[in-house]
Amino acid sequence: MDWRQDGLVLRKFLKVRLEIDINKPLMKRKRINSGLKPIFIEFKYERIKVICHICGKITY
């Protein structure tokens, strides 16, 4: 963990639960504009058995 001067903790991950449309490809990463330079956020998925590496969808 990385500690900031104000005592808050900086983490390299955030775990969330989402409802997704399984007919659409899963996102691998997302670009977010944050002031001076863009930030790329990578997504990792749990409890999904197989994801097609070509189309990004949960396999059929």
C-alpha atoms as a PDB file:
ATOM      1  CA  MET A   1       0.000   0.000   0.000  1.00  0.00           C
ATOM      2  CA  ASP A   2       1.068   3.534  -0.691  1.00  0.00           C
ATOM      3  CA  TRP A   3       0.277   6.171   1.909  1.00  0.00           C
ATOM      4  CA  ARG A   4      -0.349   9.790   0.987  1.00  0.00           C
ATOM      5  CA  GLN A   5       0.630  12.651   3.240  1.00  0.00           C
ATOM      6  CA  ASP A   6      -2.983  13.200   4.308  1.00  0.00           C
ATOM      7  CA  GLY A   7      -3.177   9.607   5.607  1.00  0.00           C
ATOM      8  CA  LEU A   8      -5.295   8.158   2.804  1.00  0.00           C
ATOM      9  CA  VAL A   9      -4.289   4.919   1.134  1.00  0.00           C
ATOM     10  CA  LEU A  10      -3.621   4.675  -2.600  1.00  0.00           C
ATOM     11  CA  ARG A  11      -4.440   1.301  -4.115  1.00  0.00           C
ATOM     12  CA  LYS A  12      -3.764  -0.131  -7.521  1.00  0.00           C
ATOM     13  CA  PHE A  13      -7.153  -1.813  -7.808  1.00  0.00           C
ATOM     14  CA  LEU A  14     -10.818  -1.349  -7.074  1.00  0.00           C
ATOM     15  CA  LYS A  15     -13.210  -4.261  -6.902  1.00  0.00           C
ATOM     16  CA  VAL A  16     -16.773  -3.662  -8.091  1.00  0.00           C
ATOM     17  CA  ARG A  17     -19.795  -5.766  -8.958  1.00  0.00           C
ATOM     18  CA  LEU A  18     -21.473  -4.929 -12.250  1.00  0.00           C
ATOM     19  CA  GLU A  19     -24.366  -6.074 -14.338  1.00  0.00           C
ATOM     20  CA  ILE A  20     -23.228  -6.476 -17.946  1.00  0.00           C
ATOM     21  CA  ASP A  21     -24.819  -7.277 -21.308  1.00  0.00           C
ATOM     22  CA  ILE A  22     -23.284 -10.630 -22.264  1.00  0.00           C
ATOM     23  CA  ASN A  23     -24.105 -10.023 -25.934  1.00  0.00           C
ATOM     24  CA  LYS A  24     -21.512  -7.233 -26.107  1.00  0.00           C
ATOM     25  CA  PRO A  25     -17.718  -7.630 -25.949  1.00  0.00           C
ATOM     26  CA  LEU A  26     -16.093  -7.149 -22.556  1.00  0.00           C
ATOM     27  CA  MET A  27     -13.824  -4.129 -22.237  1.00  0.00           C
ATOM     28  CA  LYS A  28     -10.124  -4.775 -21.731  1.00  0.00           C
ATOM     29  CA  ARG A  29      -9.280  -1.176 -20.868  1.00  0.00           C
ATOM     30  CA  LYS A  30     -10.773   2.306 -20.865  1.00  0.00           C
ATOM     31  CA  ARG A  31      -9.190   5.697 -21.449  1.00  0.00           C
ATOM     32  CA  ILE A  32     -10.199   8.410 -18.979  1.00  0.00           C
ATOM     33  CA  ASN A  33      -9.201  12.036 -19.436  1.00  0.00           C
ATOM     34  CA  SER A  34      -7.948  13.337 -16.126  1.00  0.00           C
ATOM     35  CA  GLY A  35      -6.609  16.844 -16.370  1.00  0.00           C
ATOM     36  CA  LEU A  36      -3.185  16.958 -17.977  1.00  0.00           C
ATOM     37  CA  LYS A  37      -2.852  13.464 -19.404  1.00  0.00           C
ATOM     38  CA  PRO A  38      -5.165  10.529 -20.086  1.00  0.00           C
ATOM     39  CA  ILE A  39      -5.232   7.535 -17.761  1.00  0.00           C
ATOM     40  CA  PHE A  40      -5.801   3.995 -19.005  1.00  0.00           C
ATOM     41  CA  ILE A  41      -7.722   1.705 -16.674  1.00  0.00           C
ATOM     42  CA  GLU A  42      -7.416  -2.050 -17.226  1.00  0.00           C
ATOM     43  CA  PHE A  43     -10.306  -4.382 -16.437  1.00  0.00           C
ATOM     44  CA  LYS A  44     -10.040  -7.921 -15.088  1.00  0.00           C
ATOM     45  CA  TYR A  45     -13.042 -10.188 -14.764  1.00  0.00           C
ATOM     46  CA  GLU A  46     -13.631 -12.875 -12.139  1.00  0.00           C
ATOM     47  CA  ARG A  47     -15.826 -15.963 -12.359  1.00  0.00           C
ATOM     48  CA  ILE A  48     -16.001 -15.904 -16.138  1.00  0.00           C
ATOM     49  CA  LYS A  49     -14.816 -19.243 -17.450  1.00  0.00           C
ATOM     50  CA  VAL A  50     -13.869 -18.422 -21.044  1.00  0.00           C
ATOM     51  CA  ILE A  51     -13.619 -15.143 -22.961  1.00  0.00           C
ATOM     52  CA  CYS A  52     -13.019 -15.207 -26.724  1.00  0.00           C
ATOM     53  CA  HIS A  53      -9.696 -13.463 -27.389  1.00  0.00           C
ATOM     54  CA  ILE A  54     -10.812 -12.510 -30.913  1.00  0.00           C
ATOM     55  CA  CYS A  55     -14.194 -10.842 -30.326  1.00  0.00           C
ATOM     56  CA  GLY A  56     -14.014 -10.239 -26.538  1.00  0.00           C
ATOM     57  CA  LYS A  57     -17.349 -11.937 -25.830  1.00  0.00           C
ATOM     58  CA  ILE A  58     -18.094 -14.631 -23.287  1.00  0.00           C
ATOM     59  CA  THR A  59     -17.768 -17.795 -25.344  1.00  0.00           C
ATOM     60  CA  TYR A  60     -20.753 -19.556 -26.692  1.00  0.00           C
END
